[in-house]
């Protein structure tokens, strides 16, 4: 299997053909996205957050750091070389003036100090530090790695998630009841800006690479994004229909290959509405911390696939085999990760990946 920066034109031709067939429903097996490293190739605390660097760190120095980490990756199955500037989920809130905070392995926001939701106005800020930083990192990665690597869009976030970062989740819940018209106004403002930011980043990458990607392990021959609304865990299907579904429909209309990040059992009540979105191509199922792993949700996975959608999960090798044996592989994308004694999910080691790939081939899934 090739290493990250040794991916050839022949590898790309094979990969593109396979992914196109998957999108078109013509692939009779699942896709398997498998990255692996030799043990000790990177430090145990290695993280992919660009926010770990001080703001004054030169962009080329940041890209140097990630280049060293990417160079240690071995790619198996249907994996392709990709990188994206990870400033945490919903970084568009920072583009709009939100106070982005970083800690190892995560980011969060302090709510804005505004007198009322009616006083909040969302506007494009060309000189915003984080917007300039993400553009610069994207541009440098494109110039450095050219057409060899897919440079993904940063995690812009879902519209209501962005508003929750600016207002605070508890306050936004109150706003939905007290001033629903103002939330619809802000949602519409955020939707327009989201499409503007997406288009601007697309303009940076589209001339230097094959297809597009984002933070998720997905490649598409046209525009793609992992849409989301984690905030919807806390609202009813009726509120989802009023405040969230219009945003998703607008984004699906603008994108060629839209996916949705279904995060936790609290979002399952919205699944029928998601399945009703004709232009939504697939659903990523994330059970959530403390919940059973994806292979223990077979009826839900079947419901997604029977609803005409593709399905992506992060799963162990054993979990992927269980799903494929129970439901068949068609329409699934498995990101294979490990599991350590602490219950976290590290990148596979090369020996683990070799073992998985050998089994996968023997099962007729390659």
Protein backbone atom coordinates (compact mmCIF):
# COMPACT_ATOMS: atom_id res chain seq x y z
CA UNK A 1 0.00 0.00 0.00
CA UNK A 2 1.31 3.49 -0.82
CA UNK A 3 2.54 5.99 1.74
CA UNK A 4 0.80 9.34 1.86
CA UNK A 5 3.06 11.30 -0.46
CA UNK A 6 3.71 8.31 -2.74
CA UNK A 7 0.16 8.18 -4.09
CA UNK A 8 0.57 7.86 -7.87
CA UNK A 9 -1.57 8.86 -10.83
CA UNK A 10 -2.49 5.18 -11.19
CA UNK A 11 -3.59 5.13 -7.53
CA UNK A 12 -5.71 8.22 -8.17
CA UNK A 13 -7.31 6.73 -11.28
CA UNK A 14 -8.30 3.60 -9.36
CA UNK A 15 -9.56 5.63 -6.40
CA UNK A 16 -11.63 8.02 -8.49
CA UNK A 17 -13.29 5.18 -10.39
CA UNK A 18 -14.19 3.39 -7.16
CA UNK A 19 -15.58 6.47 -5.41
CA UNK A 20 -17.60 7.51 -8.45
CA UNK A 21 -19.15 4.04 -8.58
CA UNK A 22 -19.99 4.29 -4.86
CA UNK A 23 -21.73 7.64 -5.28
CA UNK A 24 -23.71 6.26 -8.20
CA UNK A 25 -24.82 3.18 -6.25
CA UNK A 26 -22.93 0.88 -8.61
CA UNK A 27 -20.38 -0.50 -6.14
CA UNK A 28 -21.43 -3.84 -4.67
CA UNK A 29 -19.01 -3.64 -1.74
CA UNK A 30 -18.31 -1.10 1.01
CA UNK A 31 -15.58 1.50 0.88
CA UNK A 32 -12.84 1.13 3.50
CA UNK A 33 -10.82 4.18 4.56
CA UNK A 34 -7.73 2.97 6.43
CA UNK A 35 -4.80 5.11 7.54
CA UNK A 36 -1.96 3.54 9.52
CA UNK A 37 1.43 4.39 10.99
CA UNK A 38 4.40 2.41 12.15
CA UNK A 39 4.45 2.32 15.97
CA UNK A 40 6.23 5.39 17.34
CA UNK A 41 6.10 7.30 14.04
CA UNK A 42 4.63 10.36 15.80
CA UNK A 43 4.48 11.51 19.40
CA UNK A 44 1.60 10.04 21.46
CA UNK A 45 0.09 13.51 21.90
CA UNK A 46 0.20 14.36 18.18
CA UNK A 47 -2.90 16.35 17.22
CA UNK A 48 -4.20 17.75 13.95
CA UNK A 49 -5.54 21.04 15.38
CA UNK A 50 -4.04 24.12 13.72
CA UNK A 51 -5.09 26.01 16.85
CA UNK A 52 -2.25 24.37 18.80
CA UNK A 53 0.11 26.93 17.27
CA UNK A 54 0.50 30.47 18.54
CA UNK A 55 -1.19 33.04 16.28
CA UNK A 56 2.16 34.49 15.25
CA UNK A 57 3.51 31.12 14.04
CA UNK A 58 4.34 31.45 10.32
CA UNK A 59 1.99 29.49 8.10
CA UNK A 60 4.81 27.56 6.34
CA UNK A 61 6.03 26.38 9.74
CA UNK A 62 2.56 25.05 10.57
CA UNK A 63 2.40 23.19 7.26
CA UNK A 64 5.90 21.78 7.89
CA UNK A 65 4.59 20.21 11.10
CA UNK A 66 1.67 18.54 9.38
CA UNK A 67 3.76 17.45 6.41
CA UNK A 68 5.98 15.43 8.73
CA UNK A 69 2.96 13.74 10.30
CA UNK A 70 1.28 13.04 6.97
CA UNK A 71 4.48 11.57 5.52
CA UNK A 72 4.32 8.79 8.12
CA UNK A 73 0.88 7.59 6.98
CA UNK A 74 0.34 4.37 5.02
CA UNK A 75 -2.87 4.25 2.98
CA UNK A 76 -4.96 1.11 2.50
CA UNK A 77 -8.12 0.25 0.63
CA UNK A 78 -10.06 3.21 -0.73
CA UNK A 79 -8.10 5.82 1.20
CA UNK A 80 -6.76 8.90 -0.55
CA UNK A 81 -4.28 11.53 0.67
CA UNK A 82 -6.17 14.40 2.30
CA UNK A 83 -5.61 17.21 4.78
CA UNK A 84 -7.80 20.01 6.08
CA UNK A 85 -7.11 22.97 8.40
CA UNK A 86 -8.71 21.83 11.64
CA UNK A 87 -9.53 24.77 13.89
CA UNK A 88 -12.29 22.84 15.64
CA UNK A 89 -15.97 22.37 14.85
CA UNK A 90 -17.96 25.36 13.67
CA UNK A 91 -15.03 27.71 13.13
CA UNK A 92 -17.29 29.99 11.10
CA UNK A 93 -18.41 31.38 14.46
CA UNK A 94 -14.84 32.67 14.86
CA UNK A 95 -15.00 34.22 11.37
CA UNK A 96 -18.01 36.20 12.63
CA UNK A 97 -16.23 37.51 15.71
CA UNK A 98 -16.74 34.63 18.13
CA UNK A 99 -14.14 34.17 20.86
CA UNK A 100 -12.41 30.90 19.90
CA UNK A 101 -10.73 29.09 22.79
CA UNK A 102 -8.27 26.19 22.41
CA UNK A 103 -7.28 23.35 24.71
CA UNK A 104 -5.41 20.18 23.66
CA UNK A 105 -7.75 18.14 21.49
CA UNK A 106 -10.69 20.56 21.45
CA UNK A 107 -11.95 24.10 20.91
CA UNK A 108 -14.94 26.00 22.22
CA UNK A 109 -16.43 29.51 22.20
CA UNK A 110 -17.30 32.13 24.77
CA UNK A 111 -20.71 33.65 23.93
CA UNK A 112 -20.68 37.17 22.56
CA UNK A 113 -21.57 40.01 24.92
CA UNK A 114 -24.64 41.48 23.23
CA UNK A 115 -27.64 43.11 24.87
CA UNK A 116 -30.19 40.93 23.06
CA UNK A 117 -30.55 38.55 20.16
CA UNK A 118 -32.16 41.38 18.21
CA UNK A 119 -28.94 43.37 18.49
CA UNK A 120 -26.88 40.60 16.90
CA UNK A 121 -25.98 41.13 13.25
CA UNK A 122 -23.87 38.72 11.21
CA UNK A 123 -21.58 40.15 8.56
CA UNK A 124 -18.55 39.13 6.53
CA UNK A 125 -15.33 40.34 8.18
CA UNK A 126 -12.55 40.31 5.61
CA UNK A 127 -9.85 41.19 8.15
CA UNK A 128 -10.94 38.60 10.73
CA UNK A 129 -7.86 36.76 12.02
CA UNK A 130 -9.29 33.26 11.84
CA UNK A 131 -10.74 33.73 8.38
CA UNK A 132 -7.42 35.02 7.14
CA UNK A 133 -5.59 32.21 8.91
CA UNK A 134 -7.72 29.42 7.42
CA UNK A 135 -7.37 30.90 3.95
CA UNK A 136 -3.61 31.18 4.33
CA UNK A 137 -3.25 27.59 5.57
CA UNK A 138 -5.45 26.31 2.75
CA UNK A 139 -3.50 28.30 0.17
CA UNK A 140 -0.10 27.17 1.50
CA UNK A 141 -1.18 23.51 1.53
CA UNK A 142 -2.36 23.78 -2.08
CA UNK A 143 0.89 25.40 -3.16
CA UNK A 144 2.99 22.89 -1.20
CA UNK A 145 1.25 19.65 -2.18
CA UNK A 146 -0.37 20.56 -5.48
CA UNK A 147 -2.56 17.91 -7.04
CA UNK A 148 -1.08 15.11 -4.93
CA UNK A 149 -3.28 15.80 -1.89
CA UNK A 150 -6.93 16.76 -1.54
CA UNK A 151 -7.16 19.86 0.65
CA UNK A 152 -10.49 19.74 2.45
CA UNK A 153 -12.74 22.57 3.55
CA UNK A 154 -12.38 23.54 7.18
CA UNK A 155 -15.25 22.65 9.53
CA UNK A 156 -17.49 25.67 9.00
CA UNK A 157 -20.21 24.13 11.18
CA UNK A 158 -23.98 23.99 11.01
CA UNK A 159 -26.00 27.19 11.08
CA UNK A 160 -27.68 26.69 14.48
CA UNK A 161 -24.44 25.33 15.93
CA UNK A 162 -22.74 28.55 14.85
CA UNK A 163 -25.51 30.61 16.47
CA UNK A 164 -25.16 28.49 19.63
CA UNK A 165 -21.45 29.32 19.75
CA UNK A 166 -22.23 33.03 19.46
CA UNK A 167 -25.20 33.07 21.87
CA UNK A 168 -24.53 30.06 24.12
CA UNK A 169 -26.64 26.91 23.77
CA UNK A 170 -28.88 27.62 26.75
CA UNK A 171 -29.58 31.17 25.61
CA UNK A 172 -30.30 30.03 22.06
CA UNK A 173 -32.84 27.52 23.35
CA UNK A 174 -34.59 30.39 25.13
CA UNK A 175 -34.37 32.53 22.00
CA UNK A 176 -36.18 29.89 19.97
CA UNK A 177 -39.22 30.31 22.22
CA UNK A 178 -38.99 34.03 22.97
CA UNK A 179 -37.91 35.48 19.62
CA UNK A 180 -38.27 32.84 16.89
CA UNK A 181 -38.45 35.48 14.17
CA UNK A 182 -35.03 36.84 15.16
CA UNK A 183 -33.55 33.34 15.03
CA UNK A 184 -34.96 32.85 11.54
CA UNK A 185 -33.38 36.16 10.54
CA UNK A 186 -30.00 35.15 11.96
CA UNK A 187 -30.27 31.71 10.40
CA UNK A 188 -30.86 33.25 6.99
CA UNK A 189 -27.92 35.65 7.46
CA UNK A 190 -25.70 32.74 8.52
CA UNK A 191 -26.85 30.59 5.60
CA UNK A 192 -25.83 33.24 3.08
CA UNK A 193 -22.46 33.71 4.75
CA UNK A 194 -21.90 29.94 4.97
CA UNK A 195 -22.32 29.63 1.21
CA UNK A 196 -19.97 32.60 0.69
CA UNK A 197 -17.25 31.08 2.89
CA UNK A 198 -17.65 27.68 1.25
CA UNK A 199 -17.35 29.21 -2.22
CA UNK A 200 -14.28 31.25 -1.24
CA UNK A 201 -12.47 28.17 0.05
CA UNK A 202 -13.54 26.19 -3.00
CA UNK A 203 -11.93 28.85 -5.14
CA UNK A 204 -8.62 28.25 -3.38
CA UNK A 205 -8.54 24.49 -3.96
CA UNK A 206 -10.50 23.74 -7.12
CA UNK A 207 -7.69 24.45 -9.60
CA UNK A 208 -5.05 22.35 -7.86
CA UNK A 209 -6.70 19.05 -6.96
CA UNK A 210 -9.01 16.24 -7.95
CA UNK A 211 -12.51 16.60 -6.50
CA UNK A 212 -13.28 17.91 -3.01
CA UNK A 213 -13.40 16.78 0.60
CA UNK A 214 -13.88 18.23 4.07
CA UNK A 215 -13.12 17.07 7.59
CA UNK A 216 -14.84 13.72 7.02
CA UNK A 217 -13.13 10.84 5.19
CA UNK A 218 -15.10 11.42 2.00
CA UNK A 219 -14.02 12.24 -1.55
CA UNK A 220 -16.40 13.47 -4.22
CA UNK A 221 -15.91 14.36 -7.89
CA UNK A 222 -17.90 17.56 -7.31
CA UNK A 223 -18.63 19.74 -4.29
CA UNK A 224 -19.25 17.96 -0.98
CA UNK A 225 -19.59 18.82 2.70
CA UNK A 226 -20.60 17.13 5.96
CA UNK A 227 -23.61 19.20 7.00
CA UNK A 228 -24.64 19.12 10.63
CA UNK A 229 -26.72 20.51 13.46
CA UNK A 230 -25.53 19.10 16.77
CA UNK A 231 -27.78 21.63 18.48
CA UNK A 232 -30.78 19.71 17.13
CA UNK A 233 -30.15 17.06 19.82
CA UNK A 234 -31.99 19.47 22.13
CA UNK A 235 -35.00 20.42 20.01
CA UNK A 236 -38.18 18.75 18.77
CA UNK A 237 -38.84 17.54 15.22
CA UNK A 238 -41.25 20.47 14.85
CA UNK A 239 -38.50 22.96 15.69
CA UNK A 240 -36.07 21.06 13.47
CA UNK A 241 -38.49 21.43 10.57
CA UNK A 242 -38.86 25.16 11.16
CA UNK A 243 -35.32 26.24 12.06
CA UNK A 244 -32.95 23.62 10.65
CA UNK A 245 -34.45 21.92 7.61
CA UNK A 246 -34.50 25.08 5.45
CA UNK A 247 -30.74 25.53 5.98
CA UNK A 248 -30.02 21.92 5.09
CA UNK A 249 -32.21 22.12 2.00
CA UNK A 250 -30.41 25.27 0.82
CA UNK A 251 -26.99 23.70 1.32
CA UNK A 252 -28.05 20.47 -0.39
CA UNK A 253 -29.25 22.52 -3.34
CA UNK A 254 -25.87 24.26 -3.56
CA UNK A 255 -23.76 21.09 -3.19
CA UNK A 256 -23.35 18.14 -5.54
CA UNK A 257 -22.69 15.52 -2.85
CA UNK A 258 -24.07 16.61 0.52
CA UNK A 259 -23.78 14.39 3.61
CA UNK A 260 -25.24 14.87 7.11
CA UNK A 261 -23.54 14.28 10.47
CA UNK A 262 -26.16 12.51 12.63
CA UNK A 263 -24.62 12.83 16.09
CA UNK A 264 -26.18 10.78 18.89
CA UNK A 265 -29.53 9.24 19.69
CA UNK A 266 -31.05 12.66 20.37
CA UNK A 267 -30.94 13.37 16.65
CA UNK A 268 -32.67 10.14 15.60
CA UNK A 269 -36.16 11.75 15.84
CA UNK A 270 -35.11 13.97 12.92
CA UNK A 271 -34.06 11.09 10.67
CA UNK A 272 -37.28 10.92 8.64
CA UNK A 273 -36.95 14.58 7.74
CA UNK A 274 -33.34 14.02 6.69
CA UNK A 275 -34.30 11.04 4.56
CA UNK A 276 -36.90 13.22 2.85
CA UNK A 277 -34.19 15.55 1.48
CA UNK A 278 -33.81 14.26 -2.05
CA UNK A 279 -30.46 15.97 -2.66
CA UNK A 280 -28.94 14.72 0.59
CA UNK A 281 -26.73 11.88 -0.58
CA UNK A 282 -25.74 10.23 2.69
CA UNK A 283 -25.72 10.17 6.49
CA UNK A 284 -22.81 9.74 8.87
CA UNK A 285 -23.87 8.01 12.07
CA UNK A 286 -22.01 8.92 15.28
CA UNK A 287 -23.46 7.09 18.31
CA UNK A 288 -21.81 9.51 20.78
CA UNK A 289 -19.72 9.12 23.92
CA UNK A 290 -20.88 6.32 26.18
CA UNK A 291 -23.24 4.85 23.58
CA UNK A 292 -22.87 1.42 21.98
CA UNK A 293 -20.58 1.42 18.91
CA UNK A 294 -21.99 1.66 15.36
CA UNK A 295 -22.20 -2.11 14.84
CA UNK A 296 -24.77 -2.26 17.66
CA UNK A 297 -27.14 0.01 15.70
CA UNK A 298 -27.91 -2.33 12.81
CA UNK A 299 -31.64 -1.42 12.52
CA UNK A 300 -30.73 2.27 12.33
CA UNK A 301 -28.04 1.65 9.72
CA UNK A 302 -30.47 -0.45 7.69
CA UNK A 303 -33.07 2.32 7.95
CA UNK A 304 -30.58 4.84 6.55
CA UNK A 305 -29.60 2.63 3.67
CA UNK A 306 -33.19 1.51 2.96
CA UNK A 307 -34.08 5.21 2.89
CA UNK A 308 -31.93 5.56 -0.20
CA UNK A 309 -28.92 7.16 1.49
CA UNK A 310 -25.28 6.19 1.67
CA UNK A 311 -23.90 5.66 5.18
CA UNK A 312 -20.51 6.40 6.77
CA UNK A 313 -19.35 5.29 10.22
CA UNK A 314 -16.15 5.34 12.27
CA UNK A 315 -15.70 1.78 13.42
CA UNK A 316 -13.19 -0.85 14.50
CA UNK A 317 -12.17 -3.64 12.15
CA UNK A 318 -14.39 -6.09 14.03
CA UNK A 319 -17.31 -3.67 13.94
CA UNK A 320 -17.00 -3.14 10.19
CA UNK A 321 -17.03 -6.89 9.59
CA UNK A 322 -20.14 -7.28 11.75
CA UNK A 323 -22.02 -4.60 9.80
CA UNK A 324 -20.94 -5.95 6.41
CA UNK A 325 -21.87 -9.52 7.31
CA UNK A 326 -25.27 -8.51 8.70
CA UNK A 327 -26.37 -5.87 6.16
CA UNK A 328 -24.08 -6.37 3.18
CA UNK A 329 -21.52 -3.82 2.16
CA UNK A 330 -23.29 -1.85 -0.55
CA UNK A 331 -23.65 1.83 0.29
CA UNK A 332 -21.38 1.84 3.35
CA UNK A 333 -18.14 3.72 3.98
CA UNK A 334 -16.13 2.44 6.93
CA UNK A 335 -13.40 4.56 8.49
CA UNK A 336 -11.37 1.94 10.35
CA UNK A 337 -9.77 2.99 13.60
CA UNK A 338 -8.25 1.22 16.56
CA UNK A 339 -9.28 0.92 20.17
CA UNK A 340 -6.91 1.12 23.11
CA UNK A 341 -7.26 0.12 26.74
CA UNK A 342 -8.62 3.57 27.64
CA UNK A 343 -11.41 3.24 25.07
CA UNK A 344 -10.09 5.94 22.76
CA UNK A 345 -9.66 5.36 19.03
CA UNK A 346 -6.11 5.85 17.77
CA UNK A 347 -4.93 5.57 14.19
CA UNK A 348 -4.16 1.95 13.33
CA UNK A 349 -0.60 0.70 13.39
CA UNK A 350 0.71 -0.79 10.15
CA UNK A 351 0.58 -4.36 11.55
CA UNK A 352 -3.07 -3.80 12.59
CA UNK A 353 -3.93 -2.41 9.16
CA UNK A 354 -2.21 -5.31 7.40
CA UNK A 355 -4.19 -7.79 9.48
CA UNK A 356 -7.44 -5.97 8.76
CA UNK A 357 -6.79 -5.73 5.04
CA UNK A 358 -5.92 -9.43 4.80
CA UNK A 359 -9.23 -10.33 6.49
CA UNK A 360 -11.16 -7.81 4.40
CA UNK A 361 -9.84 -9.37 1.20
CA UNK A 362 -10.59 -12.91 2.36
CA UNK A 363 -14.18 -11.81 3.10
CA UNK A 364 -14.49 -10.59 -0.50
CA UNK A 365 -14.96 -6.99 0.61
CA UNK A 366 -11.96 -5.43 -1.15
